[in-house]
């Protein structure tokens, strides 16, 4: 996977404890639906807590894996790896 770390527009829902779940996002004008979340972990990057989502979706007929990051302090979403 290639590291891109670009900010994205995200539609997500939050469960009762407040954990965000990504639904779909826009990247370079394309809308990608998050079909499966494989793993959720948490890390600190330069002192900022981030949730890391390893996901997969069908894009143009091919199954693609990617990583999304959610920065807890600023509530911003990033496409980290594609």
N, C-alpha and C. Protein backbone atom coordinates (compact mmCIF):
# COMPACT_ATOMS: atom_id res chain seq x y z
N UNK A 1 0.83 -1.18 0.00
CA UNK A 1 0.00 0.00 0.00
C UNK A 1 0.88 1.24 0.00
N UNK A 2 0.36 2.28 -0.64
CA UNK A 2 1.09 3.54 -0.76
C UNK A 2 0.52 4.56 0.22
N UNK A 3 1.38 5.25 0.94
CA UNK A 3 0.96 6.28 1.91
C UNK A 3 0.63 7.56 1.16
N UNK A 4 -0.59 8.09 1.37
CA UNK A 4 -1.00 9.34 0.73
C UNK A 4 -1.36 10.42 1.75
N UNK A 5 -1.96 10.05 2.88
CA UNK A 5 -2.35 10.96 3.98
C UNK A 5 -3.00 12.24 3.46
N UNK A 6 -4.14 12.10 2.77
CA UNK A 6 -4.88 13.25 2.26
C UNK A 6 -6.18 13.40 3.04
N UNK A 7 -6.58 14.64 3.37
CA UNK A 7 -7.86 14.86 4.05
C UNK A 7 -9.02 14.51 3.12
N UNK A 8 -10.08 13.93 3.68
CA UNK A 8 -11.23 13.53 2.88
C UNK A 8 -12.52 13.98 3.55
N UNK A 9 -13.60 14.04 2.75
CA UNK A 9 -14.93 14.29 3.27
C UNK A 9 -15.54 12.93 3.59
N UNK A 10 -16.08 12.78 4.81
CA UNK A 10 -16.55 11.49 5.28
C UNK A 10 -17.98 11.58 5.80
N UNK A 11 -18.75 10.53 5.54
CA UNK A 11 -20.04 10.33 6.20
C UNK A 11 -19.83 9.15 7.14
N UNK A 12 -20.11 9.37 8.42
CA UNK A 12 -19.89 8.34 9.43
C UNK A 12 -21.03 8.37 10.44
N UNK A 13 -21.21 7.28 11.16
CA UNK A 13 -22.15 7.24 12.28
C UNK A 13 -21.37 6.92 13.55
N UNK A 14 -21.92 7.34 14.66
CA UNK A 14 -21.27 7.15 15.96
C UNK A 14 -22.16 6.26 16.82
N UNK A 15 -21.55 5.26 17.47
CA UNK A 15 -22.32 4.41 18.37
C UNK A 15 -22.46 5.10 19.74
N UNK A 16 -23.12 4.45 20.67
CA UNK A 16 -23.39 5.04 21.99
C UNK A 16 -22.12 5.48 22.72
N UNK A 17 -21.04 4.66 22.76
CA UNK A 17 -19.82 5.13 23.44
C UNK A 17 -19.08 6.25 22.69
N UNK A 18 -19.48 6.52 21.44
CA UNK A 18 -18.86 7.61 20.70
C UNK A 18 -17.82 7.17 19.68
N UNK A 19 -17.76 5.89 19.36
CA UNK A 19 -16.80 5.40 18.37
C UNK A 19 -17.35 5.65 16.96
N UNK A 20 -16.59 6.36 16.11
CA UNK A 20 -17.07 6.62 14.75
C UNK A 20 -16.92 5.39 13.87
N UNK A 21 -17.88 5.19 12.97
CA UNK A 21 -17.85 4.12 11.97
C UNK A 21 -18.00 4.76 10.60
N UNK A 22 -16.98 4.63 9.74
CA UNK A 22 -17.07 5.24 8.41
C UNK A 22 -18.10 4.54 7.53
N UNK A 23 -18.86 5.31 6.77
CA UNK A 23 -19.87 4.78 5.85
C UNK A 23 -19.40 4.95 4.41
N UNK A 24 -19.12 6.20 4.02
CA UNK A 24 -18.60 6.47 2.68
C UNK A 24 -17.84 7.80 2.70
N UNK A 25 -16.94 7.95 1.70
CA UNK A 25 -16.13 9.16 1.64
C UNK A 25 -15.89 9.56 0.20
N UNK A 26 -15.46 10.81 0.04
CA UNK A 26 -15.15 11.35 -1.28
C UNK A 26 -13.65 11.55 -1.39
N UNK A 27 -13.07 11.00 -2.47
CA UNK A 27 -11.64 11.14 -2.73
C UNK A 27 -11.45 11.42 -4.21
N UNK A 28 -10.87 12.57 -4.50
CA UNK A 28 -10.62 13.01 -5.88
C UNK A 28 -11.90 12.97 -6.73
N UNK A 29 -13.01 13.40 -6.13
CA UNK A 29 -14.27 13.47 -6.85
C UNK A 29 -15.04 12.16 -6.91
N UNK A 30 -14.45 11.05 -6.50
CA UNK A 30 -15.12 9.75 -6.51
C UNK A 30 -15.67 9.45 -5.12
N UNK A 31 -16.86 8.86 -5.07
CA UNK A 31 -17.45 8.45 -3.80
C UNK A 31 -17.19 6.97 -3.62
N UNK A 32 -16.60 6.62 -2.46
CA UNK A 32 -16.24 5.24 -2.15
C UNK A 32 -17.05 4.82 -0.92
N UNK A 33 -17.79 3.72 -1.07
CA UNK A 33 -18.55 3.17 0.05
C UNK A 33 -17.67 2.18 0.80
N UNK A 34 -17.59 2.34 2.12
CA UNK A 34 -16.81 1.43 2.95
C UNK A 34 -17.65 0.17 3.16
N UNK A 35 -17.26 -0.93 2.51
CA UNK A 35 -18.05 -2.15 2.57
C UNK A 35 -17.73 -3.00 3.79
N UNK A 36 -16.46 -3.03 4.22
CA UNK A 36 -16.09 -3.85 5.36
C UNK A 36 -14.96 -3.19 6.14
N UNK A 37 -15.11 -3.15 7.46
CA UNK A 37 -14.04 -2.70 8.35
C UNK A 37 -13.35 -3.95 8.87
N UNK A 38 -12.09 -4.13 8.52
CA UNK A 38 -11.34 -5.33 8.90
C UNK A 38 -10.83 -5.22 10.34
N UNK A 39 -10.28 -4.06 10.68
CA UNK A 39 -9.69 -3.88 12.01
C UNK A 39 -9.74 -2.41 12.40
N UNK A 40 -9.93 -2.16 13.70
CA UNK A 40 -9.88 -0.80 14.25
C UNK A 40 -8.82 -0.80 15.34
N UNK A 41 -7.90 0.16 15.26
CA UNK A 41 -6.89 0.29 16.29
C UNK A 41 -6.72 1.78 16.62
N UNK A 42 -5.92 2.05 17.63
CA UNK A 42 -5.67 3.43 18.03
C UNK A 42 -4.17 3.65 18.13
N UNK A 43 -3.71 4.82 17.71
CA UNK A 43 -2.28 5.14 17.77
C UNK A 43 -2.11 6.61 18.10
N UNK A 44 -0.89 6.96 18.46
CA UNK A 44 -0.52 8.36 18.69
C UNK A 44 0.47 8.74 17.61
N UNK A 45 0.17 9.81 16.88
CA UNK A 45 1.04 10.31 15.83
C UNK A 45 1.37 11.76 16.16
N UNK A 46 2.62 12.02 16.51
CA UNK A 46 3.08 13.36 16.91
C UNK A 46 2.26 13.90 18.08
N UNK A 47 1.89 13.01 19.01
CA UNK A 47 1.14 13.41 20.18
C UNK A 47 -0.37 13.47 19.99
N UNK A 48 -0.84 13.27 18.76
CA UNK A 48 -2.28 13.31 18.48
C UNK A 48 -2.83 11.88 18.45
N UNK A 49 -3.90 11.64 19.22
CA UNK A 49 -4.54 10.33 19.21
C UNK A 49 -5.34 10.18 17.93
N UNK A 50 -5.19 9.01 17.29
CA UNK A 50 -5.91 8.73 16.04
C UNK A 50 -6.47 7.33 16.07
N UNK A 51 -7.66 7.18 15.51
CA UNK A 51 -8.24 5.86 15.28
C UNK A 51 -7.86 5.45 13.87
N UNK A 52 -7.39 4.21 13.71
CA UNK A 52 -6.97 3.69 12.41
C UNK A 52 -7.95 2.60 12.00
N UNK A 53 -8.52 2.74 10.81
CA UNK A 53 -9.48 1.78 10.28
C UNK A 53 -8.88 1.11 9.05
N UNK A 54 -8.72 -0.20 9.10
CA UNK A 54 -8.32 -0.97 7.93
C UNK A 54 -9.60 -1.47 7.29
N UNK A 55 -9.83 -1.07 6.04
CA UNK A 55 -11.10 -1.33 5.37
C UNK A 55 -10.87 -1.93 4.00
N UNK A 56 -11.97 -2.41 3.42
CA UNK A 56 -11.91 -2.84 2.03
C UNK A 56 -13.24 -2.52 1.36
N UNK A 57 -13.16 -2.24 0.06
CA UNK A 57 -14.32 -1.89 -0.74
C UNK A 57 -14.08 -2.30 -2.17
N UNK A 58 -15.16 -2.40 -2.91
CA UNK A 58 -15.07 -2.67 -4.34
C UNK A 58 -15.00 -1.34 -5.07
N UNK A 59 -13.91 -1.12 -5.80
CA UNK A 59 -13.71 0.11 -6.56
C UNK A 59 -13.45 -0.27 -8.01
N UNK A 60 -14.32 0.17 -8.91
CA UNK A 60 -14.22 -0.15 -10.34
C UNK A 60 -14.13 -1.66 -10.57
N UNK A 61 -14.90 -2.44 -9.82
CA UNK A 61 -14.95 -3.88 -10.01
C UNK A 61 -13.85 -4.68 -9.33
N UNK A 62 -12.93 -4.02 -8.62
CA UNK A 62 -11.83 -4.71 -7.93
C UNK A 62 -11.93 -4.46 -6.43
N UNK A 63 -11.63 -5.48 -5.62
CA UNK A 63 -11.60 -5.31 -4.17
C UNK A 63 -10.29 -4.62 -3.79
N UNK A 64 -10.41 -3.49 -3.12
CA UNK A 64 -9.24 -2.70 -2.72
C UNK A 64 -9.22 -2.58 -1.20
N UNK A 65 -8.02 -2.68 -0.62
CA UNK A 65 -7.85 -2.43 0.81
C UNK A 65 -7.25 -1.04 0.98
N UNK A 66 -7.64 -0.37 2.05
CA UNK A 66 -7.12 0.97 2.34
C UNK A 66 -7.21 1.22 3.83
N UNK A 67 -6.51 2.26 4.28
CA UNK A 67 -6.55 2.66 5.69
C UNK A 67 -7.08 4.08 5.80
N UNK A 68 -7.99 4.26 6.74
CA UNK A 68 -8.52 5.57 7.07
C UNK A 68 -8.06 5.93 8.47
N UNK A 69 -7.82 7.21 8.70
CA UNK A 69 -7.46 7.68 10.04
C UNK A 69 -8.41 8.79 10.45
N UNK A 70 -8.80 8.74 11.73
CA UNK A 70 -9.68 9.76 12.31
C UNK A 70 -8.93 10.41 13.47
N UNK A 71 -8.65 11.71 13.33
CA UNK A 71 -7.93 12.44 14.37
C UNK A 71 -8.93 12.89 15.43
N UNK A 72 -8.78 12.38 16.65
CA UNK A 72 -9.76 12.61 17.71
C UNK A 72 -9.81 14.06 18.17
N UNK A 73 -8.69 14.77 18.19
CA UNK A 73 -8.68 16.14 18.70
C UNK A 73 -9.32 17.14 17.74
N UNK A 74 -9.16 16.93 16.43
CA UNK A 74 -9.70 17.87 15.45
C UNK A 74 -10.92 17.34 14.71
N UNK A 75 -11.27 16.06 14.91
CA UNK A 75 -12.40 15.41 14.23
C UNK A 75 -12.26 15.42 12.71
N UNK A 76 -11.03 15.24 12.22
CA UNK A 76 -10.77 15.21 10.78
C UNK A 76 -10.48 13.77 10.34
N UNK A 77 -10.91 13.47 9.12
CA UNK A 77 -10.67 12.16 8.51
C UNK A 77 -9.59 12.28 7.45
N UNK A 78 -8.75 11.22 7.35
CA UNK A 78 -7.69 11.17 6.35
C UNK A 78 -7.69 9.81 5.67
N UNK A 79 -7.45 9.81 4.37
CA UNK A 79 -7.15 8.57 3.66
C UNK A 79 -5.66 8.39 3.80
N UNK A 80 -5.24 7.38 4.56
CA UNK A 80 -3.84 7.22 4.90
C UNK A 80 -3.09 6.37 3.88
N UNK A 81 -3.59 5.18 3.59
CA UNK A 81 -2.92 4.29 2.64
C UNK A 81 -3.94 3.76 1.63
N UNK A 82 -3.49 3.67 0.39
CA UNK A 82 -4.31 3.04 -0.66
C UNK A 82 -3.48 2.00 -1.40
